[in-house]
Amino acid sequence: MDNYQAIYDAVRSRMGYLDTSYLVDRIVQCFDYSSQISAAIQSIEIHHTSPHVLMRPKLSIDGDQWCALYGENLQDGVAGFGDSPDG
């Protein structure tokens, strides 16, 4: 038990030289997610104002292509075709 006390005392005496305020600041910075939260909110706001979200096109498959249709039909509406819903 005496050996443990000596080791404890030695470690504790060295800890007096640590700048604990610096360590606390660094720890807080590691857990500061405010910039990530701001970026996520901005991304959501941009997404919710995108035309495909506001106008909600009808998606369907026409042959081997996807069709995004704004409007009631191909003659009166606006349509786009692609190999995927994204493209």
PDB file of N, CA and C in Angstrom:
ATOM      1  N   MET A   1       0.824  -1.196   0.000  1.00  0.00           N
ATOM      2  CA  MET A   1       0.000   0.000   0.000  1.00  0.00           C
ATOM      3  C   MET A   1       0.864   1.254   0.000  1.00  0.00           C
ATOM      4  N   ASP A   2       2.009   1.208   0.661  1.00  0.00           N
ATOM      5  CA  ASP A   2       2.893   2.368   0.706  1.00  0.00           C
ATOM      6  C   ASP A   2       3.413   2.728  -0.681  1.00  0.00           C
ATOM      7  N   ASN A   3       3.653   1.713  -1.505  1.00  0.00           N
ATOM      8  CA  ASN A   3       4.132   1.972  -2.874  1.00  0.00           C
ATOM      9  C   ASN A   3       3.088   2.750  -3.668  1.00  0.00           C
ATOM     10  N   TYR A   4       1.845   2.374  -3.527  1.00  0.00           N
ATOM     11  CA  TYR A   4       0.777   3.069  -4.245  1.00  0.00           C
ATOM     12  C   TYR A   4       0.679   4.523  -3.817  1.00  0.00           C
ATOM     13  N   GLN A   5       0.853   4.777  -2.531  1.00  0.00           N
ATOM     14  CA  GLN A   5       0.791   6.155  -2.023  1.00  0.00           C
ATOM     15  C   GLN A   5       1.914   6.995  -2.632  1.00  0.00           C
ATOM     16  N   ALA A   6       3.103   6.412  -2.739  1.00  0.00           N
ATOM     17  CA  ALA A   6       4.241   7.135  -3.310  1.00  0.00           C
ATOM     18  C   ALA A   6       3.989   7.467  -4.781  1.00  0.00           C
ATOM     19  N   ILE A   7       3.447   6.526  -5.524  1.00  0.00           N
ATOM     20  CA  ILE A   7       3.128   6.756  -6.939  1.00  0.00           C
ATOM     21  C   ILE A   7       2.035   7.808  -7.062  1.00  0.00           C
ATOM     22  N   TYR A   8       1.018   7.706  -6.241  1.00  0.00           N
ATOM     23  CA  TYR A   8      -0.075   8.680  -6.246  1.00  0.00           C
ATOM     24  C   TYR A   8       0.454  10.081  -5.959  1.00  0.00           C
ATOM     25  N   ASP A   9       1.302  10.193  -4.951  1.00  0.00           N
ATOM     26  CA  ASP A   9       1.863  11.494  -4.592  1.00  0.00           C
ATOM     27  C   ASP A   9       2.714  12.059  -5.731  1.00  0.00           C
ATOM     28  N   ALA A  10       3.493  11.215  -6.394  1.00  0.00           N
ATOM     29  CA  ALA A  10       4.356  11.670  -7.491  1.00  0.00           C
ATOM     30  C   ALA A  10       3.514  12.170  -8.664  1.00  0.00           C
ATOM     31  N   VAL A  11       2.494  11.432  -9.022  1.00  0.00           N
ATOM     32  CA  VAL A  11       1.621  11.835 -10.129  1.00  0.00           C
ATOM     33  C   VAL A  11       0.883  13.106  -9.761  1.00  0.00           C
ATOM     34  N   ARG A  12       0.371  13.173  -8.562  1.00  0.00           N
ATOM     35  CA  ARG A  12      -0.384  14.357  -8.128  1.00  0.00           C
ATOM     36  C   ARG A  12       0.505  15.601  -8.112  1.00  0.00           C
ATOM     37  N   SER A  13       1.757  15.457  -7.731  1.00  0.00           N
ATOM     38  CA  SER A  13       2.651  16.618  -7.708  1.00  0.00           C
ATOM     39  C   SER A  13       2.931  17.115  -9.128  1.00  0.00           C
ATOM     40  N   ARG A  14       2.975  16.237 -10.096  1.00  0.00           N
ATOM     41  CA  ARG A  14       3.198  16.632 -11.494  1.00  0.00           C
ATOM     42  C   ARG A  14       1.952  17.298 -12.083  1.00  0.00           C
ATOM     43  N   MET A  15       0.791  16.928 -11.612  1.00  0.00           N
ATOM     44  CA  MET A  15      -0.441  17.488 -12.148  1.00  0.00           C
ATOM     45  C   MET A  15      -0.583  18.965 -11.816  1.00  0.00           C
ATOM     46  N   GLY A  16       0.143  19.438 -10.833  1.00  0.00           N
ATOM     47  CA  GLY A  16       0.104  20.844 -10.485  1.00  0.00           C
ATOM     48  C   GLY A  16       0.613  21.735 -11.603  1.00  0.00           C
ATOM     49  N   TYR A  17       1.395  21.188 -12.523  1.00  0.00           N
ATOM     50  CA  TYR A  17       1.961  21.950 -13.622  1.00  0.00           C
ATOM     51  C   TYR A  17       1.045  22.008 -14.840  1.00  0.00           C
ATOM     52  N   LEU A  18      -0.047  21.265 -14.812  1.00  0.00           N
ATOM     53  CA  LEU A  18      -0.963  21.254 -15.948  1.00  0.00           C
ATOM     54  C   LEU A  18      -1.819  22.513 -15.954  1.00  0.00           C
ATOM     55  N   ASP A  19      -2.034  23.032 -17.142  1.00  0.00           N
ATOM     56  CA  ASP A  19      -2.930  24.179 -17.300  1.00  0.00           C
ATOM     57  C   ASP A  19      -4.335  23.620 -17.519  1.00  0.00           C
ATOM     58  N   THR A  20      -5.076  23.481 -16.442  1.00  0.00           N
ATOM     59  CA  THR A  20      -6.388  22.846 -16.541  1.00  0.00           C
ATOM     60  C   THR A  20      -7.374  23.672 -17.353  1.00  0.00           C
ATOM     61  N   SER A  21      -7.260  24.998 -17.333  1.00  0.00           N
ATOM     62  CA  SER A  21      -8.185  25.814 -18.137  1.00  0.00           C
ATOM     63  C   SER A  21      -7.975  25.558 -19.622  1.00  0.00           C
ATOM     64  N   TYR A  22      -6.716  25.369 -20.035  1.00  0.00           N
ATOM     65  CA  TYR A  22      -6.426  25.026 -21.434  1.00  0.00           C
ATOM     66  C   TYR A  22      -7.050  23.683 -21.787  1.00  0.00           C
ATOM     67  N   LEU A  23      -6.878  22.708 -20.900  1.00  0.00           N
ATOM     68  CA  LEU A  23      -7.441  21.380 -21.158  1.00  0.00           C
ATOM     69  C   LEU A  23      -8.963  21.420 -21.248  1.00  0.00           C
ATOM     70  N   VAL A  24      -9.590  22.166 -20.369  1.00  0.00           N
ATOM     71  CA  VAL A  24     -11.050  22.285 -20.399  1.00  0.00           C
ATOM     72  C   VAL A  24     -11.494  22.947 -21.701  1.00  0.00           C
ATOM     73  N   ASP A  25     -10.799  24.016 -22.113  1.00  0.00           N
ATOM     74  CA  ASP A  25     -11.134  24.672 -23.384  1.00  0.00           C
ATOM     75  C   ASP A  25     -11.008  23.722 -24.563  1.00  0.00           C
ATOM     76  N   ARG A  26      -9.952  22.933 -24.589  1.00  0.00           N
ATOM     77  CA  ARG A  26      -9.757  21.970 -25.680  1.00  0.00           C
ATOM     78  C   ARG A  26     -10.856  20.902 -25.683  1.00  0.00           C
ATOM     79  N   ILE A  27     -11.239  20.446 -24.512  1.00  0.00           N
ATOM     80  CA  ILE A  27     -12.304  19.438 -24.413  1.00  0.00           C
ATOM     81  C   ILE A  27     -13.624  20.019 -24.906  1.00  0.00           C
ATOM     82  N   VAL A  28     -13.913  21.251 -24.504  1.00  0.00           N
ATOM     83  CA  VAL A  28     -15.149  21.908 -24.949  1.00  0.00           C
ATOM     84  C   VAL A  28     -15.149  22.064 -26.465  1.00  0.00           C
ATOM     85  N   GLN A  29     -14.005  22.433 -27.041  1.00  0.00           N
ATOM     86  CA  GLN A  29     -13.902  22.568 -28.497  1.00  0.00           C
ATOM     87  C   GLN A  29     -14.159  21.247 -29.202  1.00  0.00           C
ATOM     88  N   CYS A  30     -13.708  20.155 -28.590  1.00  0.00           N
ATOM     89  CA  CYS A  30     -13.930  18.833 -29.196  1.00  0.00           C
ATOM     90  C   CYS A  30     -15.413  18.485 -29.257  1.00  0.00           C
ATOM     91  N   PHE A  31     -16.185  18.992 -28.312  1.00  0.00           N
ATOM     92  CA  PHE A  31     -17.603  18.668 -28.264  1.00  0.00           C
ATOM     93  C   PHE A  31     -18.484  19.811 -28.736  1.00  0.00           C
ATOM     94  N   ASP A  32     -17.891  20.810 -29.378  1.00  0.00           N
ATOM     95  CA  ASP A  32     -18.651  21.945 -29.891  1.00  0.00           C
ATOM     96  C   ASP A  32     -19.137  21.615 -31.301  1.00  0.00           C
ATOM     97  N   TYR A  33     -20.402  21.330 -31.413  1.00  0.00           N
ATOM     98  CA  TYR A  33     -20.991  20.943 -32.693  1.00  0.00           C
ATOM     99  C   TYR A  33     -21.766  22.084 -33.339  1.00  0.00           C
ATOM    100  N   SER A  34     -21.585  23.315 -32.868  1.00  0.00           N
ATOM    101  CA  SER A  34     -22.392  24.424 -33.375  1.00  0.00           C
ATOM    102  C   SER A  34     -22.183  24.653 -34.873  1.00  0.00           C
ATOM    103  N   SER A  35     -20.941  24.513 -35.357  1.00  0.00           N
ATOM    104  CA  SER A  35     -20.716  24.726 -36.792  1.00  0.00           C
ATOM    105  C   SER A  35     -21.370  23.616 -37.615  1.00  0.00           C
ATOM    106  N   GLN A  36     -21.325  22.380 -37.136  1.00  0.00           N
ATOM    107  CA  GLN A  36     -21.975  21.292 -37.850  1.00  0.00           C
ATOM    108  C   GLN A  36     -23.491  21.454 -37.844  1.00  0.00           C
ATOM    109  N   ILE A  37     -24.024  21.922 -36.736  1.00  0.00           N
ATOM    110  CA  ILE A  37     -25.476  22.133 -36.642  1.00  0.00           C
ATOM    111  C   ILE A  37     -25.897  23.245 -37.594  1.00  0.00           C
ATOM    112  N   SER A  38     -25.118  24.324 -37.662  1.00  0.00           N
ATOM    113  CA  SER A  38     -25.430  25.420 -38.585  1.00  0.00           C
ATOM    114  C   SER A  38     -25.404  24.942 -40.033  1.00  0.00           C
ATOM    115  N   ALA A  39     -24.408  24.140 -40.378  1.00  0.00           N
ATOM    116  CA  ALA A  39     -24.313  23.616 -41.745  1.00  0.00           C
ATOM    117  C   ALA A  39     -25.496  22.706 -42.061  1.00  0.00           C
ATOM    118  N   ALA A  40     -25.910  21.894 -41.106  1.00  0.00           N
ATOM    119  CA  ALA A  40     -27.050  21.002 -41.329  1.00  0.00           C
ATOM    120  C   ALA A  40     -28.336  21.796 -41.509  1.00  0.00           C
ATOM    121  N   ILE A  41     -28.528  22.827 -40.698  1.00  0.00           N
ATOM    122  CA  ILE A  41     -29.726  23.664 -40.824  1.00  0.00           C
ATOM    123  C   ILE A  41     -29.742  24.358 -42.179  1.00  0.00           C
ATOM    124  N   GLN A  42     -28.596  24.879 -42.598  1.00  0.00           N
ATOM    125  CA  GLN A  42     -28.512  25.551 -43.903  1.00  0.00           C
ATOM    126  C   GLN A  42     -28.821  24.569 -45.027  1.00  0.00           C
ATOM    127  N   SER A  43     -28.309  23.353 -44.927  1.00  0.00           N
ATOM    128  CA  SER A  43     -28.571  22.341 -45.944  1.00  0.00           C
ATOM    129  C   SER A  43     -30.059  22.005 -46.016  1.00  0.00           C
ATOM    130  N   ILE A  44     -30.698  21.893 -44.857  1.00  0.00           N
ATOM    131  CA  ILE A  44     -32.134  21.602 -44.818  1.00  0.00           C
ATOM    132  C   ILE A  44     -32.928  22.750 -45.418  1.00  0.00           C
ATOM    133  N   GLU A  45     -32.538  23.990 -45.085  1.00  0.00           N
ATOM    134  CA  GLU A  45     -33.249  25.147 -45.624  1.00  0.00           C
ATOM    135  C   GLU A  45     -33.123  25.210 -47.145  1.00  0.00           C
ATOM    136  N   ILE A  46     -31.938  24.930 -47.671  1.00  0.00           N
ATOM    137  CA  ILE A  46     -31.737  24.928 -49.125  1.00  0.00           C
ATOM    138  C   ILE A  46     -32.575  23.829 -49.759  1.00  0.00           C
ATOM    139  N   HIS A  47     -32.582  22.658 -49.144  1.00  0.00           N
ATOM    140  CA  HIS A  47     -33.341  21.524 -49.691  1.00  0.00           C
ATOM    141  C   HIS A  47     -34.840  21.836 -49.731  1.00  0.00           C
ATOM    142  N   HIS A  48     -35.357  22.450 -48.679  1.00  0.00           N
ATOM    143  CA  HIS A  48     -36.794  22.711 -48.621  1.00  0.00           C
ATOM    144  C   HIS A  48     -37.248  23.811 -49.568  1.00  0.00           C
ATOM    145  N   THR A  49     -36.321  24.570 -50.125  1.00  0.00           N
ATOM    146  CA  THR A  49     -36.696  25.603 -51.086  1.00  0.00           C
ATOM    147  C   THR A  49     -36.346  25.207 -52.516  1.00  0.00           C
ATOM    148  N   SER A  50     -35.889  23.972 -52.707  1.00  0.00           N
ATOM    149  CA  SER A  50     -35.556  23.486 -54.050  1.00  0.00           C
ATOM    150  C   SER A  50     -36.827  23.240 -54.854  1.00  0.00           C
ATOM    151  N   PRO A  51     -36.782  23.457 -56.172  1.00  0.00           N
ATOM    152  CA  PRO A  51     -37.981  23.274 -56.999  1.00  0.00           C
ATOM    153  C   PRO A  51     -38.589  21.871 -56.897  1.00  0.00           C
ATOM    154  N   HIS A  52     -37.732  20.854 -56.838  1.00  0.00           N
ATOM    155  CA  HIS A  52     -38.281  19.497 -56.790  1.00  0.00           C
ATOM    156  C   HIS A  52     -39.020  19.226 -55.485  1.00  0.00           C
ATOM    157  N   VAL A  53     -38.706  19.968 -54.431  1.00  0.00           N
ATOM    158  CA  VAL A  53     -39.429  19.808 -53.168  1.00  0.00           C
ATOM    159  C   VAL A  53     -40.714  20.639 -53.186  1.00  0.00           C
ATOM    160  N   LEU A  54     -40.623  21.853 -53.689  1.00  0.00           N
ATOM    161  CA  LEU A  54     -41.794  22.736 -53.707  1.00  0.00           C
ATOM    162  C   LEU A  54     -42.855  22.269 -54.695  1.00  0.00           C
ATOM    163  N   MET A  55     -42.433  21.826 -55.880  1.00  0.00           N
ATOM    164  CA  MET A  55     -43.400  21.472 -56.934  1.00  0.00           C
ATOM    165  C   MET A  55     -43.811  20.009 -56.904  1.00  0.00           C
ATOM    166  N   ARG A  56     -43.050  19.177 -56.256  1.00  0.00           N
ATOM    167  CA  ARG A  56     -43.345  17.753 -56.108  1.00  0.00           C
ATOM    168  C   ARG A  56     -43.738  17.086 -57.432  1.00  0.00           C
ATOM    169  N   PRO A  57     -42.781  16.825 -58.287  1.00  0.00           N
ATOM    170  CA  PRO A  57     -43.105  16.171 -59.552  1.00  0.00           C
ATOM    171  C   PRO A  57     -43.572  14.732 -59.328  1.00  0.00           C
ATOM    172  N   LYS A  58     -44.332  14.253 -60.278  1.00  0.00           N
ATOM    173  CA  LYS A  58     -44.733  12.846 -60.250  1.00  0.00           C
ATOM    174  C   LYS A  58     -43.618  12.052 -60.905  1.00  0.00           C
ATOM    175  N   LEU A  59     -43.135  11.016 -60.237  1.00  0.00           N
ATOM    176  CA  LEU A  59     -42.092  10.156 -60.784  1.00  0.00           C
ATOM    177  C   LEU A  59     -42.704   8.860 -61.280  1.00  0.00           C
ATOM    178  N   SER A  60     -42.264   8.448 -62.453  1.00  0.00           N
ATOM    179  CA  SER A  60     -42.729   7.171 -63.000  1.00  0.00           C
ATOM    180  C   SER A  60     -41.637   6.615 -63.906  1.00  0.00           C
ATOM    181  N   ILE A  61     -41.782   5.355 -64.247  1.00  0.00           N
ATOM    182  CA  ILE A  61     -40.839   4.724 -65.175  1.00  0.00           C
ATOM    183  C   ILE A  61     -41.525   4.612 -66.533  1.00  0.00           C
ATOM    184  N   ASP A  62     -40.829   5.093 -67.571  1.00  0.00           N
ATOM    185  CA  ASP A  62     -41.339   5.033 -68.939  1.00  0.00           C
ATOM    186  C   ASP A  62     -40.321   4.247 -69.753  1.00  0.00           C
ATOM    187  N   GLY A  63     -40.621   2.985 -69.994  1.00  0.00           N
ATOM    188  CA  GLY A  63     -39.654   2.109 -70.678  1.00  0.00           C
ATOM    189  C   GLY A  63     -38.482   1.826 -69.754  1.00  0.00           C
ATOM    190  N   ASP A  64     -37.294   2.223 -70.189  1.00  0.00           N
ATOM    191  CA  ASP A  64     -36.114   2.020 -69.356  1.00  0.00           C
ATOM    192  C   ASP A  64     -35.610   3.329 -68.749  1.00  0.00           C
ATOM    193  N   GLN A  65     -36.454   4.363 -68.747  1.00  0.00           N
ATOM    194  CA  GLN A  65     -36.066   5.669 -68.214  1.00  0.00           C
ATOM    195  C   GLN A  65     -37.067   6.134 -67.150  1.00  0.00           C
ATOM    196  N   TRP A  66     -36.567   6.975 -66.265  1.00  0.00           N
ATOM    197  CA  TRP A  66     -37.424   7.613 -65.278  1.00  0.00           C
ATOM    198  C   TRP A  66     -37.994   8.890 -65.872  1.00  0.00           C
ATOM    199  N   CYS A  67     -39.221   9.210 -65.491  1.00  0.00           N
ATOM    200  CA  CYS A  67     -39.870  10.429 -65.935  1.00  0.00           C
ATOM    201  C   CYS A  67     -40.296  11.235 -64.715  1.00  0.00           C
ATOM    202  N   ALA A  68     -39.901  12.522 -64.695  1.00  0.00           N
ATOM    203  CA  ALA A  68     -40.369  13.460 -63.675  1.00  0.00           C
ATOM    204  C   ALA A  68     -41.311  14.422 -64.375  1.00  0.00           C
ATOM    205  N   LEU A  69     -42.562  14.460 -63.953  1.00  0.00           N
ATOM    206  CA  LEU A  69     -43.593  15.250 -64.628  1.00  0.00           C
ATOM    207  C   LEU A  69     -44.160  16.304 -63.698  1.00  0.00           C
ATOM    208  N   TYR A  70     -44.065  17.576 -64.128  1.00  0.00           N
ATOM    209  CA  TYR A  70     -44.740  18.690 -63.457  1.00  0.00           C
ATOM    210  C   TYR A  70     -45.983  18.989 -64.278  1.00  0.00           C
ATOM    211  N   GLY A  71     -47.127  18.716 -63.726  1.00  0.00           N
ATOM    212  CA  GLY A  71     -48.372  18.951 -64.447  1.00  0.00           C
ATOM    213  C   GLY A  71     -49.208  17.693 -64.510  1.00  0.00           C
ATOM    214  N   GLU A  72     -50.327  17.800 -65.227  1.00  0.00           N
ATOM    215  CA  GLU A  72     -51.273  16.689 -65.310  1.00  0.00           C
ATOM    216  C   GLU A  72     -50.882  15.629 -66.328  1.00  0.00           C
ATOM    217  N   ASN A  73     -50.267  16.051 -67.443  1.00  0.00           N
ATOM    218  CA  ASN A  73     -49.903  15.090 -68.488  1.00  0.00           C
ATOM    219  C   ASN A  73     -48.707  15.621 -69.274  1.00  0.00           C
ATOM    220  N   LEU A  74     -48.169  14.796 -70.179  1.00  0.00           N
ATOM    221  CA  LEU A  74     -46.988  15.189 -70.953  1.00  0.00           C
ATOM    222  C   LEU A  74     -47.265  16.350 -71.907  1.00  0.00           C
ATOM    223  N   GLN A  75     -48.476  16.469 -72.395  1.00  0.00           N
ATOM    224  CA  GLN A  75     -48.797  17.527 -73.350  1.00  0.00           C
ATOM    225  C   GLN A  75     -48.900  18.904 -72.670  1.00  0.00           C
ATOM    226  N   ASP A  76     -49.465  18.951 -71.485  1.00  0.00           N
ATOM    227  CA  ASP A  76     -49.698  20.228 -70.816  1.00  0.00           C
ATOM    228  C   ASP A  76     -48.633  20.568 -69.770  1.00  0.00           C
ATOM    229  N   GLY A  77     -47.906  19.578 -69.314  1.00  0.00           N
ATOM    230  CA  GLY A  77     -46.932  19.800 -68.233  1.00  0.00           C
ATOM    231  C   GLY A  77     -45.505  19.879 -68.757  1.00  0.00           C
ATOM    232  N   VAL A  78     -44.602  19.841 -67.845  1.00  0.00           N
ATOM    233  CA  VAL A  78     -43.166  19.847 -68.143  1.00  0.00           C
ATOM    234  C   VAL A  78     -42.609  18.519 -67.647  1.00  0.00           C
ATOM    235  N   ALA A  79     -41.848  17.847 -68.513  1.00  0.00           N
ATOM    236  CA  ALA A  79     -41.327  16.536 -68.157  1.00  0.00           C
ATOM    237  C   ALA A  79     -39.820  16.458 -68.387  1.00  0.00           C
ATOM    238  N   GLY A  80     -39.186  15.639 -67.607  1.00  0.00           N
ATOM    239  CA  GLY A  80     -37.761  15.345 -67.764  1.00  0.00           C
ATOM    240  C   GLY A  80     -37.549  13.853 -67.672  1.00  0.00           C
ATOM    241  N   PHE A  81     -36.610  13.354 -68.466  1.00  0.00           N
ATOM    242  CA  PHE A  81     -36.342  11.917 -68.494  1.00  0.00           C
ATOM    243  C   PHE A  81     -34.879  11.662 -68.174  1.00  0.00           C
ATOM    244  N   GLY A  82     -34.605  10.545 -67.510  1.00  0.00           N
ATOM    245  CA  GLY A  82     -33.217  10.200 -67.181  1.00  0.00           C
ATOM    246  C   GLY A  82     -33.089   8.751 -66.756  1.00  0.00           C
ATOM    247  N   ASP A  83     -31.826   8.326 -66.597  1.00  0.00           N
ATOM    248  CA  ASP A  83     -31.565   6.934 -66.216  1.00  0.00           C
ATOM    249  C   ASP A  83     -31.866   6.649 -64.746  1.00  0.00           C
ATOM    250  N   SER A  84     -31.972   7.706 -63.938  1.00  0.00           N
ATOM    251  CA  SER A  84     -32.305   7.548 -62.528  1.00  0.00           C
ATOM    252  C   SER A  84     -33.158   8.742 -62.108  1.00  0.00           C
ATOM    253  N   PRO A  85     -33.801   8.677 -60.961  1.00  0.00           N
ATOM    254  CA  PRO A  85     -34.582   9.839 -60.507  1.00  0.00           C
ATOM    255  C   PRO A  85     -33.708  11.095 -60.329  1.00  0.00           C
ATOM    256  N   ASP A  86     -32.420  10.907 -60.047  1.00  0.00           N
ATOM    257  CA  ASP A  86     -31.510  12.040 -59.898  1.00  0.00           C
ATOM    258  C   ASP A  86     -31.071  12.626 -61.234  1.00  0.00           C
ATOM    259  N   GLY A  87     -31.040  11.809 -62.247  1.00  0.00           N
ATOM    260  CA  GLY A  87     -30.370  12.273 -63.458  1.00  0.00           C
ATOM    261  C   GLY A  87     -31.192  12.440 -64.642  1.00  0.00           C
TER     262      GLY A  87
END
